[in-house]
Amino acid sequence: MIPLLTVASFGVMLSTVTRNSAASVVGTIGFVILLFIIGQIPGLEGLHPYLLNEQFENWHGLLRTPTDWAPIAHSAWVCALYAVPSLLAGYLVFLRRDVAGG
């Protein structure tokens, strides 16, 4: 669920920045597709552990006996590297916006 919330945080940032819900949906889908394309480029195998789409599979460690916590911890901090800047940027843009209508 954490990688999915990370994708949603990118969508929230796009929605706040563009003030357009359709742009945030299309931009979020484009972001995910871009990550999949980057994952398929030969020579960039070193980036795979840090791509967001690879983090979904790291959570299979919860289903193993004994639980494998190393990939889960890796996934958590990689997701934080994507989510925190997105949420921070969205928050800073939202602070400068007049939402009260005054």
PDB file of N, CA and C in Angstrom:
ATOM      1  N   MET A   1       0.810  -1.188   0.000  1.00  0.00           N
ATOM      2  CA  MET A   1       0.000   0.000   0.000  1.00  0.00           C
ATOM      3  C   MET A   1       0.864   1.267   0.000  1.00  0.00           C
ATOM      4  N   ILE A   2       2.045   1.179   0.561  1.00  0.00           N
ATOM      5  CA  ILE A   2       2.891   2.373   0.621  1.00  0.00           C
ATOM      6  C   ILE A   2       3.308   2.848  -0.767  1.00  0.00           C
ATOM      7  N   PRO A   3       3.710   1.969  -1.701  1.00  0.00           N
ATOM      8  CA  PRO A   3       4.018   2.474  -3.050  1.00  0.00           C
ATOM      9  C   PRO A   3       2.800   3.101  -3.739  1.00  0.00           C
ATOM     10  N   LEU A   4       1.623   2.564  -3.478  1.00  0.00           N
ATOM     11  CA  LEU A   4       0.418   3.142  -4.074  1.00  0.00           C
ATOM     12  C   LEU A   4       0.132   4.526  -3.493  1.00  0.00           C
ATOM     13  N   LEU A   5       0.347   4.701  -2.203  1.00  0.00           N
ATOM     14  CA  LEU A   5       0.182   6.019  -1.595  1.00  0.00           C
ATOM     15  C   LEU A   5       1.230   7.009  -2.119  1.00  0.00           C
ATOM     16  N   THR A   6       2.388   6.491  -2.487  1.00  0.00           N
ATOM     17  CA  THR A   6       3.416   7.350  -3.072  1.00  0.00           C
ATOM     18  C   THR A   6       2.976   7.868  -4.437  1.00  0.00           C
ATOM     19  N   VAL A   7       2.383   7.001  -5.242  1.00  0.00           N
ATOM     20  CA  VAL A   7       1.851   7.432  -6.538  1.00  0.00           C
ATOM     21  C   VAL A   7       0.732   8.450  -6.321  1.00  0.00           C
ATOM     22  N   ALA A   8      -0.105   8.213  -5.321  1.00  0.00           N
ATOM     23  CA  ALA A   8      -1.190   9.148  -5.019  1.00  0.00           C
ATOM     24  C   ALA A   8      -0.644  10.494  -4.553  1.00  0.00           C
ATOM     25  N   SER A   9       0.459  10.498  -3.815  1.00  0.00           N
ATOM     26  CA  SER A   9       1.039  11.768  -3.373  1.00  0.00           C
ATOM     27  C   SER A   9       1.560  12.573  -4.561  1.00  0.00           C
ATOM     28  N   PHE A  10       2.076  11.894  -5.574  1.00  0.00           N
ATOM     29  CA  PHE A  10       2.491  12.596  -6.790  1.00  0.00           C
ATOM     30  C   PHE A  10       1.270  13.206  -7.485  1.00  0.00           C
ATOM     31  N   GLY A  11       0.157  12.479  -7.497  1.00  0.00           N
ATOM     32  CA  GLY A  11      -1.080  12.998  -8.084  1.00  0.00           C
ATOM     33  C   GLY A  11      -1.624  14.192  -7.321  1.00  0.00           C
ATOM     34  N   VAL A  12      -1.523  14.157  -6.002  1.00  0.00           N
ATOM     35  CA  VAL A  12      -1.972  15.291  -5.186  1.00  0.00           C
ATOM     36  C   VAL A  12      -1.122  16.516  -5.478  1.00  0.00           C
ATOM     37  N   MET A  13       0.188  16.315  -5.619  1.00  0.00           N
ATOM     38  CA  MET A  13       1.062  17.429  -5.949  1.00  0.00           C
ATOM     39  C   MET A  13       0.699  18.019  -7.307  1.00  0.00           C
ATOM     40  N   LEU A  14       0.461  17.156  -8.300  1.00  0.00           N
ATOM     41  CA  LEU A  14       0.075  17.661  -9.618  1.00  0.00           C
ATOM     42  C   LEU A  14      -1.261  18.382  -9.580  1.00  0.00           C
ATOM     43  N   SER A  15      -2.194  17.882  -8.806  1.00  0.00           N
ATOM     44  CA  SER A  15      -3.496  18.518  -8.700  1.00  0.00           C
ATOM     45  C   SER A  15      -3.381  19.903  -8.068  1.00  0.00           C
ATOM     46  N   THR A  16      -2.531  20.016  -7.066  1.00  0.00           N
ATOM     47  CA  THR A  16      -2.346  21.298  -6.399  1.00  0.00           C
ATOM     48  C   THR A  16      -1.626  22.303  -7.301  1.00  0.00           C
ATOM     49  N   VAL A  17      -0.625  21.838  -7.997  1.00  0.00           N
ATOM     50  CA  VAL A  17       0.173  22.724  -8.836  1.00  0.00           C
ATOM     51  C   VAL A  17      -0.609  23.176 -10.070  1.00  0.00           C
ATOM     52  N   THR A  18      -1.323  22.255 -10.720  1.00  0.00           N
ATOM     53  CA  THR A  18      -1.992  22.591 -11.973  1.00  0.00           C
ATOM     54  C   THR A  18      -3.407  23.125 -11.779  1.00  0.00           C
ATOM     55  N   ARG A  19      -3.991  22.927 -10.609  1.00  0.00           N
ATOM     56  CA  ARG A  19      -5.386  23.312 -10.337  1.00  0.00           C
ATOM     57  C   ARG A  19      -6.349  22.643 -11.312  1.00  0.00           C
ATOM     58  N   ASN A  20      -5.988  21.468 -11.772  1.00  0.00           N
ATOM     59  CA  ASN A  20      -6.794  20.763 -12.753  1.00  0.00           C
ATOM     60  C   ASN A  20      -6.737  19.273 -12.425  1.00  0.00           C
ATOM     61  N   SER A  21      -7.888  18.693 -12.128  1.00  0.00           N
ATOM     62  CA  SER A  21      -7.903  17.283 -11.751  1.00  0.00           C
ATOM     63  C   SER A  21      -7.577  16.373 -12.923  1.00  0.00           C
ATOM     64  N   ALA A  22      -7.992  16.749 -14.125  1.00  0.00           N
ATOM     65  CA  ALA A  22      -7.687  15.925 -15.293  1.00  0.00           C
ATOM     66  C   ALA A  22      -6.187  15.921 -15.570  1.00  0.00           C
ATOM     67  N   ALA A  23      -5.546  17.054 -15.403  1.00  0.00           N
ATOM     68  CA  ALA A  23      -4.101  17.121 -15.608  1.00  0.00           C
ATOM     69  C   ALA A  23      -3.366  16.264 -14.583  1.00  0.00           C
ATOM     70  N   SER A  24      -3.875  16.219 -13.360  1.00  0.00           N
ATOM     71  CA  SER A  24      -3.201  15.405 -12.350  1.00  0.00           C
ATOM     72  C   SER A  24      -3.359  13.915 -12.645  1.00  0.00           C
ATOM     73  N   VAL A  25      -4.524  13.510 -13.139  1.00  0.00           N
ATOM     74  CA  VAL A  25      -4.730  12.097 -13.476  1.00  0.00           C
ATOM     75  C   VAL A  25      -3.835  11.703 -14.640  1.00  0.00           C
ATOM     76  N   VAL A  26      -3.837  12.506 -15.690  1.00  0.00           N
ATOM     77  CA  VAL A  26      -3.016  12.207 -16.870  1.00  0.00           C
ATOM     78  C   VAL A  26      -1.528  12.288 -16.518  1.00  0.00           C
ATOM     79  N   GLY A  27      -1.141  13.268 -15.731  1.00  0.00           N
ATOM     80  CA  GLY A  27       0.257  13.409 -15.339  1.00  0.00           C
ATOM     81  C   GLY A  27       0.736  12.261 -14.469  1.00  0.00           C
ATOM     82  N   THR A  28      -0.116  11.787 -13.570  1.00  0.00           N
ATOM     83  CA  THR A  28       0.246  10.657 -12.716  1.00  0.00           C
ATOM     84  C   THR A  28       0.398   9.392 -13.541  1.00  0.00           C
ATOM     85  N   ILE A  29      -0.519   9.165 -14.458  1.00  0.00           N
ATOM     86  CA  ILE A  29      -0.405   7.991 -15.332  1.00  0.00           C
ATOM     87  C   ILE A  29       0.843   8.109 -16.200  1.00  0.00           C
ATOM     88  N   GLY A  30       1.119   9.300 -16.700  1.00  0.00           N
ATOM     89  CA  GLY A  30       2.329   9.517 -17.489  1.00  0.00           C
ATOM     90  C   GLY A  30       3.594   9.276 -16.681  1.00  0.00           C
ATOM     91  N   PHE A  31       3.584   9.674 -15.412  1.00  0.00           N
ATOM     92  CA  PHE A  31       4.720   9.455 -14.525  1.00  0.00           C
ATOM     93  C   PHE A  31       4.972   7.963 -14.330  1.00  0.00           C
ATOM     94  N   VAL A  32       3.921   7.203 -14.100  1.00  0.00           N
ATOM     95  CA  VAL A  32       4.062   5.757 -13.909  1.00  0.00           C
ATOM     96  C   VAL A  32       4.537   5.091 -15.195  1.00  0.00           C
ATOM     97  N   ILE A  33       3.996   5.502 -16.328  1.00  0.00           N
ATOM     98  CA  ILE A  33       4.438   4.943 -17.611  1.00  0.00           C
ATOM     99  C   ILE A  33       5.909   5.284 -17.854  1.00  0.00           C
ATOM    100  N   LEU A  34       6.320   6.502 -17.522  1.00  0.00           N
ATOM    101  CA  LEU A  34       7.719   6.889 -17.669  1.00  0.00           C
ATOM    102  C   LEU A  34       8.628   6.014 -16.810  1.00  0.00           C
ATOM    103  N   LEU A  35       8.193   5.694 -15.601  1.00  0.00           N
ATOM    104  CA  LEU A  35       8.988   4.813 -14.750  1.00  0.00           C
ATOM    105  C   LEU A  35       9.108   3.424 -15.356  1.00  0.00           C
ATOM    106  N   PHE A  36       8.025   2.917 -15.956  1.00  0.00           N
ATOM    107  CA  PHE A  36       8.088   1.614 -16.621  1.00  0.00           C
ATOM    108  C   PHE A  36       9.013   1.663 -17.833  1.00  0.00           C
ATOM    109  N   ILE A  37       8.993   2.745 -18.587  1.00  0.00           N
ATOM    110  CA  ILE A  37       9.878   2.878 -19.746  1.00  0.00           C
ATOM    111  C   ILE A  37      11.333   2.934 -19.301  1.00  0.00           C
ATOM    112  N   ILE A  38      11.620   3.687 -18.255  1.00  0.00           N
ATOM    113  CA  ILE A  38      12.988   3.761 -17.740  1.00  0.00           C
ATOM    114  C   ILE A  38      13.452   2.388 -17.269  1.00  0.00           C
ATOM    115  N   GLY A  39      12.538   1.615 -16.696  1.00  0.00           N
ATOM    116  CA  GLY A  39      12.880   0.269 -16.246  1.00  0.00           C
ATOM    117  C   GLY A  39      13.192  -0.691 -17.376  1.00  0.00           C
ATOM    118  N   GLN A  40      12.775  -0.388 -18.590  1.00  0.00           N
ATOM    119  CA  GLN A  40      13.011  -1.266 -19.737  1.00  0.00           C
ATOM    120  C   GLN A  40      14.228  -0.872 -20.562  1.00  0.00           C
ATOM    121  N   ILE A  41      14.845   0.254 -20.278  1.00  0.00           N
ATOM    122  CA  ILE A  41      15.994   0.712 -21.058  1.00  0.00           C
ATOM    123  C   ILE A  41      17.233  -0.094 -20.661  1.00  0.00           C
ATOM    124  N   PRO A  42      17.863  -0.735 -21.650  1.00  0.00           N
ATOM    125  CA  PRO A  42      19.086  -1.483 -21.342  1.00  0.00           C
ATOM    126  C   PRO A  42      20.187  -0.543 -20.864  1.00  0.00           C
ATOM    127  N   GLY A  43      20.962  -1.003 -19.927  1.00  0.00           N
ATOM    128  CA  GLY A  43      22.052  -0.192 -19.398  1.00  0.00           C
ATOM    129  C   GLY A  43      21.682   0.579 -18.149  1.00  0.00           C
ATOM    130  N   LEU A  44      20.414   0.614 -17.820  1.00  0.00           N
ATOM    131  CA  LEU A  44      19.981   1.329 -16.614  1.00  0.00           C
ATOM    132  C   LEU A  44      19.541   0.363 -15.519  1.00  0.00           C
ATOM    133  N   GLU A  45      20.126  -0.836 -15.521  1.00  0.00           N
ATOM    134  CA  GLU A  45      19.748  -1.828 -14.509  1.00  0.00           C
ATOM    135  C   GLU A  45      20.101  -1.369 -13.095  1.00  0.00           C
ATOM    136  N   GLY A  46      21.069  -0.471 -12.973  1.00  0.00           N
ATOM    137  CA  GLY A  46      21.437   0.048 -11.662  1.00  0.00           C
ATOM    138  C   GLY A  46      20.357   0.907 -11.034  1.00  0.00           C
ATOM    139  N   LEU A  47      19.442   1.427 -11.845  1.00  0.00           N
ATOM    140  CA  LEU A  47      18.345   2.247 -11.321  1.00  0.00           C
ATOM    141  C   LEU A  47      17.155   1.417 -10.844  1.00  0.00           C
ATOM    142  N   HIS A  48      17.070   0.172 -11.239  1.00  0.00           N
ATOM    143  CA  HIS A  48      15.898  -0.646 -10.927  1.00  0.00           C
ATOM    144  C   HIS A  48      15.560  -0.692  -9.434  1.00  0.00           C
ATOM    145  N   PRO A  49      16.526  -0.838  -8.531  1.00  0.00           N
ATOM    146  CA  PRO A  49      16.145  -0.859  -7.107  1.00  0.00           C
ATOM    147  C   PRO A  49      15.560   0.452  -6.615  1.00  0.00           C
ATOM    148  N   TYR A  50      15.703   1.526  -7.383  1.00  0.00           N
ATOM    149  CA  TYR A  50      15.231   2.835  -6.945  1.00  0.00           C
ATOM    150  C   TYR A  50      14.023   3.335  -7.728  1.00  0.00           C
ATOM    151  N   LEU A  51      13.522   2.529  -8.640  1.00  0.00           N
ATOM    152  CA  LEU A  51      12.313   2.901  -9.369  1.00  0.00           C
ATOM    153  C   LEU A  51      11.090   2.532  -8.551  1.00  0.00           C
ATOM    154  N   LEU A  52      10.091   3.355  -8.634  1.00  0.00           N
ATOM    155  CA  LEU A  52       8.894   3.144  -7.823  1.00  0.00           C
ATOM    156  C   LEU A  52       8.144   1.880  -8.217  1.00  0.00           C
ATOM    157  N   ASN A  53       8.136   1.534  -9.495  1.00  0.00           N
ATOM    158  CA  ASN A  53       7.394   0.355  -9.910  1.00  0.00           C
ATOM    159  C   ASN A  53       8.032  -0.938  -9.406  1.00  0.00           C
ATOM    160  N   GLU A  54       9.304  -0.921  -9.065  1.00  0.00           N
ATOM    161  CA  GLU A  54       9.955  -2.106  -8.494  1.00  0.00           C
ATOM    162  C   GLU A  54       9.589  -2.287  -7.017  1.00  0.00           C
ATOM    163  N   GLN A  55       9.129  -1.244  -6.373  1.00  0.00           N
ATOM    164  CA  GLN A  55       8.862  -1.311  -4.934  1.00  0.00           C
ATOM    165  C   GLN A  55       7.606  -2.114  -4.603  1.00  0.00           C
ATOM    166  N   PHE A  56       6.716  -2.266  -5.562  1.00  0.00           N
ATOM    167  CA  PHE A  56       5.504  -3.048  -5.316  1.00  0.00           C
ATOM    168  C   PHE A  56       5.842  -4.511  -5.021  1.00  0.00           C
ATOM    169  N   GLU A  57       6.870  -5.038  -5.670  1.00  0.00           N
ATOM    170  CA  GLU A  57       7.224  -6.442  -5.498  1.00  0.00           C
ATOM    171  C   GLU A  57       8.019  -6.696  -4.225  1.00  0.00           C
ATOM    172  N   ASN A  58       8.610  -5.663  -3.651  1.00  0.00           N
ATOM    173  CA  ASN A  58       9.373  -5.847  -2.419  1.00  0.00           C
ATOM    174  C   ASN A  58       8.491  -6.221  -1.240  1.00  0.00           C
ATOM    175  N   TRP A  59       7.222  -5.942  -1.332  1.00  0.00           N
ATOM    176  CA  TRP A  59       6.322  -6.211  -0.214  1.00  0.00           C
ATOM    177  C   TRP A  59       5.900  -7.665  -0.143  1.00  0.00           C
ATOM    178  N   HIS A  60       6.371  -8.500  -1.083  1.00  0.00           N
ATOM    179  CA  HIS A  60       6.092  -9.937  -1.007  1.00  0.00           C
ATOM    180  C   HIS A  60       6.822 -10.568   0.172  1.00  0.00           C
ATOM    181  N   GLY A  61       7.798  -9.858   0.727  1.00  0.00           N
ATOM    182  CA  GLY A  61       8.521 -10.355   1.891  1.00  0.00           C
ATOM    183  C   GLY A  61       7.630 -10.555   3.095  1.00  0.00           C
ATOM    184  N   LEU A  62       6.488  -9.862   3.133  1.00  0.00           N
ATOM    185  CA  LEU A  62       5.556 -10.055   4.244  1.00  0.00           C
ATOM    186  C   LEU A  62       4.907 -11.432   4.216  1.00  0.00           C
ATOM    187  N   LEU A  63       4.842 -12.038   3.050  1.00  0.00           N
ATOM    188  CA  LEU A  63       4.181 -13.328   2.904  1.00  0.00           C
ATOM    189  C   LEU A  63       5.122 -14.510   3.103  1.00  0.00           C
ATOM    190  N   ARG A  64       6.398 -14.242   3.267  1.00  0.00           N
ATOM    191  CA  ARG A  64       7.371 -15.312   3.455  1.00  0.00           C
ATOM    192  C   ARG A  64       7.455 -15.700   4.921  1.00  0.00           C
ATOM    193  N   THR A  65       7.899 -16.929   5.145  1.00  0.00           N
ATOM    194  CA  THR A  65       8.122 -17.391   6.510  1.00  0.00           C
ATOM    195  C   THR A  65       9.574 -17.805   6.617  1.00  0.00           C
ATOM    196  N   PRO A  66      10.378 -17.198   7.393  1.00  0.00           N
ATOM    197  CA  PRO A  66      10.158 -16.014   8.214  1.00  0.00           C
ATOM    198  C   PRO A  66      10.090 -14.752   7.346  1.00  0.00           C
ATOM    199  N   THR A  67       9.479 -13.742   7.899  1.00  0.00           N
ATOM    200  CA  THR A  67       9.274 -12.499   7.162  1.00  0.00           C
ATOM    201  C   THR A  67      10.614 -11.874   6.800  1.00  0.00           C
ATOM    202  N   ASP A  68      10.749 -11.513   5.532  1.00  0.00           N
ATOM    203  CA  ASP A  68      11.970 -10.888   5.019  1.00  0.00           C
ATOM    204  C   ASP A  68      11.798  -9.375   5.085  1.00  0.00           C
ATOM    205  N   TRP A  69      12.421  -8.736   6.076  1.00  0.00           N
ATOM    206  CA  TRP A  69      12.216  -7.312   6.321  1.00  0.00           C
ATOM    207  C   TRP A  69      13.134  -6.418   5.503  1.00  0.00           C
ATOM    208  N   ALA A  70      14.215  -6.950   4.942  1.00  0.00           N
ATOM    209  CA  ALA A  70      15.169  -6.114   4.201  1.00  0.00           C
ATOM    210  C   ALA A  70      14.529  -5.452   2.983  1.00  0.00           C
ATOM    211  N   PRO A  71      13.833  -6.186   2.100  1.00  0.00           N
ATOM    212  CA  PRO A  71      13.232  -5.491   0.958  1.00  0.00           C
ATOM    213  C   PRO A  71      12.096  -4.558   1.361  1.00  0.00           C
ATOM    214  N   ILE A  72      11.437  -4.861   2.458  1.00  0.00           N
ATOM    215  CA  ILE A  72      10.349  -3.999   2.918  1.00  0.00           C
ATOM    216  C   ILE A  72      10.912  -2.668   3.416  1.00  0.00           C
ATOM    217  N   ALA A  73      12.006  -2.719   4.152  1.00  0.00           N
ATOM    218  CA  ALA A  73      12.635  -1.491   4.637  1.00  0.00           C
ATOM    219  C   ALA A  73      13.182  -0.675   3.463  1.00  0.00           C
ATOM    220  N   HIS A  74      13.772  -1.359   2.478  1.00  0.00           N
ATOM    221  CA  HIS A  74      14.276  -0.669   1.288  1.00  0.00           C
ATOM    222  C   HIS A  74      13.126   0.022   0.552  1.00  0.00           C
ATOM    223  N   SER A  75      12.019  -0.682   0.397  1.00  0.00           N
ATOM    224  CA  SER A  75      10.861  -0.116  -0.284  1.00  0.00           C
ATOM    225  C   SER A  75      10.307   1.084   0.467  1.00  0.00           C
ATOM    226  N   ALA A  76      10.294   1.018   1.776  1.00  0.00           N
ATOM    227  CA  ALA A  76       9.748   2.122   2.570  1.00  0.00           C
ATOM    228  C   ALA A  76      10.561   3.397   2.386  1.00  0.00           C
ATOM    229  N   TRP A  77      11.892   3.292   2.402  1.00  0.00           N
ATOM    230  CA  TRP A  77      12.663   4.532   2.258  1.00  0.00           C
ATOM    231  C   TRP A  77      12.712   5.022   0.826  1.00  0.00           C
ATOM    232  N   VAL A  78      12.650   4.125  -0.151  1.00  0.00           N
ATOM    233  CA  VAL A  78      12.585   4.575  -1.547  1.00  0.00           C
ATOM    234  C   VAL A  78      11.256   5.283  -1.806  1.00  0.00           C
ATOM    235  N   CYS A  79      10.172   4.741  -1.263  1.00  0.00           N
ATOM    236  CA  CYS A  79       8.868   5.402  -1.411  1.00  0.00           C
ATOM    237  C   CYS A  79       8.873   6.762  -0.731  1.00  0.00           C
ATOM    238  N   ALA A  80       9.563   6.860   0.395  1.00  0.00           N
ATOM    239  CA  ALA A  80       9.661   8.154   1.078  1.00  0.00           C
ATOM    240  C   ALA A  80      10.440   9.158   0.236  1.00  0.00           C
ATOM    241  N   LEU A  81      11.443   8.682  -0.523  1.00  0.00           N
ATOM    242  CA  LEU A  81      12.202   9.580  -1.396  1.00  0.00           C
ATOM    243  C   LEU A  81      11.333  10.154  -2.508  1.00  0.00           C
ATOM    244  N   TYR A  82      10.313   9.435  -2.914  1.00  0.00           N
ATOM    245  CA  TYR A  82       9.388   9.943  -3.926  1.00  0.00           C
ATOM    246  C   TYR A  82       8.256  10.767  -3.292  1.00  0.00           C
ATOM    247  N   ALA A  83       7.727  10.316  -2.171  1.00  0.00           N
ATOM    248  CA  ALA A  83       6.518  10.917  -1.600  1.00  0.00           C
ATOM    249  C   ALA A  83       6.791  12.235  -0.877  1.00  0.00           C
ATOM    250  N   VAL A  84       7.844  12.308  -0.106  1.00  0.00           N
ATOM    251  CA  VAL A  84       8.087  13.497   0.713  1.00  0.00           C
ATOM    252  C   VAL A  84       8.300  14.751  -0.138  1.00  0.00           C
ATOM    253  N   PRO A  85       9.144  14.724  -1.181  1.00  0.00           N
ATOM    254  CA  PRO A  85       9.259  15.943  -2.000  1.00  0.00           C
ATOM    255  C   PRO A  85       7.962  16.311  -2.714  1.00  0.00           C
ATOM    256  N   SER A  86       7.210  15.298  -3.162  1.00  0.00           N
ATOM    257  CA  SER A  86       5.932  15.586  -3.833  1.00  0.00           C
ATOM    258  C   SER A  86       4.957  16.254  -2.879  1.00  0.00           C
ATOM    259  N   LEU A  87       4.822  15.692  -1.697  1.00  0.00           N
ATOM    260  CA  LEU A  87       3.890  16.267  -0.723  1.00  0.00           C
ATOM    261  C   LEU A  87       4.357  17.636  -0.248  1.00  0.00           C
ATOM    262  N   LEU A  88       5.652  17.800  -0.071  1.00  0.00           N
ATOM    263  CA  LEU A  88       6.181  19.093   0.358  1.00  0.00           C
ATOM    264  C   LEU A  88       5.944  20.163  -0.705  1.00  0.00           C
ATOM    265  N   ALA A  89       6.184  19.826  -1.966  1.00  0.00           N
ATOM    266  CA  ALA A  89       5.940  20.784  -3.046  1.00  0.00           C
ATOM    267  C   ALA A  89       4.453  21.134  -3.137  1.00  0.00           C
ATOM    268  N   GLY A  90       3.591  20.137  -3.035  1.00  0.00           N
ATOM    269  CA  GLY A  90       2.154  20.403  -3.052  1.00  0.00           C
ATOM    270  C   GLY A  90       1.717  21.266  -1.883  1.00  0.00           C
ATOM    271  N   TYR A  91       2.280  21.009  -0.715  1.00  0.00           N
ATOM    272  CA  TYR A  91       1.941  21.786   0.471  1.00  0.00           C
ATOM    273  C   TYR A  91       2.386  23.240   0.327  1.00  0.00           C
ATOM    274  N   LEU A  92       3.599  23.448  -0.185  1.00  0.00           N
ATOM    275  CA  LEU A  92       4.098  24.814  -0.345  1.00  0.00           C
ATOM    276  C   LEU A  92       3.295  25.589  -1.380  1.00  0.00           C
ATOM    277  N   VAL A  93       2.871  24.938  -2.443  1.00  0.00           N
ATOM    278  CA  VAL A  93       2.025  25.608  -3.432  1.00  0.00           C
ATOM    279  C   VAL A  93       0.657  25.918  -2.826  1.00  0.00           C
ATOM    280  N   PHE A  94       0.141  24.988  -2.039  1.00  0.00           N
ATOM    281  CA  PHE A  94      -1.172  25.196  -1.416  1.00  0.00           C
ATOM    282  C   PHE A  94      -1.137  26.332  -0.403  1.00  0.00           C
ATOM    283  N   LEU A  95      -0.026  26.514   0.293  1.00  0.00           N
ATOM    284  CA  LEU A  95       0.080  27.601   1.267  1.00  0.00           C
ATOM    285  C   LEU A  95      -0.031  28.974   0.594  1.00  0.00           C
ATOM    286  N   ARG A  96       0.429  29.090  -0.637  1.00  0.00           N
ATOM    287  CA  ARG A  96       0.419  30.373  -1.337  1.00  0.00           C
ATOM    288  C   ARG A  96      -0.894  30.635  -2.052  1.00  0.00           C
ATOM    289  N   ARG A  97      -1.820  29.699  -2.023  1.00  0.00           N
ATOM    290  CA  ARG A  97      -3.060  29.834  -2.754  1.00  0.00           C
ATOM    291  C   ARG A  97      -4.166  30.380  -1.840  1.00  0.00           C
ATOM    292  N   ASP A  98      -5.029  31.197  -2.407  1.00  0.00           N
ATOM    293  CA  ASP A  98      -6.168  31.735  -1.672  1.00  0.00           C
ATOM    294  C   ASP A  98      -7.346  30.774  -1.844  1.00  0.00           C
ATOM    295  N   VAL A  99      -7.604  29.960  -0.802  1.00  0.00           N
ATOM    296  CA  VAL A  99      -8.689  28.989  -0.886  1.00  0.00           C
ATOM    297  C   VAL A  99      -9.964  29.493  -0.196  1.00  0.00           C
ATOM    298  N   ALA A 100      -9.835  30.565   0.550  1.00  0.00           N
ATOM    299  CA  ALA A 100     -10.989  31.099   1.281  1.00  0.00           C
ATOM    300  C   ALA A 100     -11.848  31.992   0.387  1.00  0.00           C
ATOM    301  N   GLY A 101     -11.331  32.383  -0.755  1.00  0.00           N
ATOM    302  CA  GLY A 101     -12.087  33.217  -1.674  1.00  0.00           C
ATOM    303  C   GLY A 101     -12.056  34.689  -1.319  1.00  0.00           C
ATOM    304  N   GLY A 102     -11.128  35.095  -0.516  1.00  0.00           N
ATOM    305  CA  GLY A 102     -11.057  36.474  -0.051  1.00  0.00           C
ATOM    306  C   GLY A 102     -10.181  37.301  -0.836  1.00  0.00           C
TER     307      GLY A 102
END
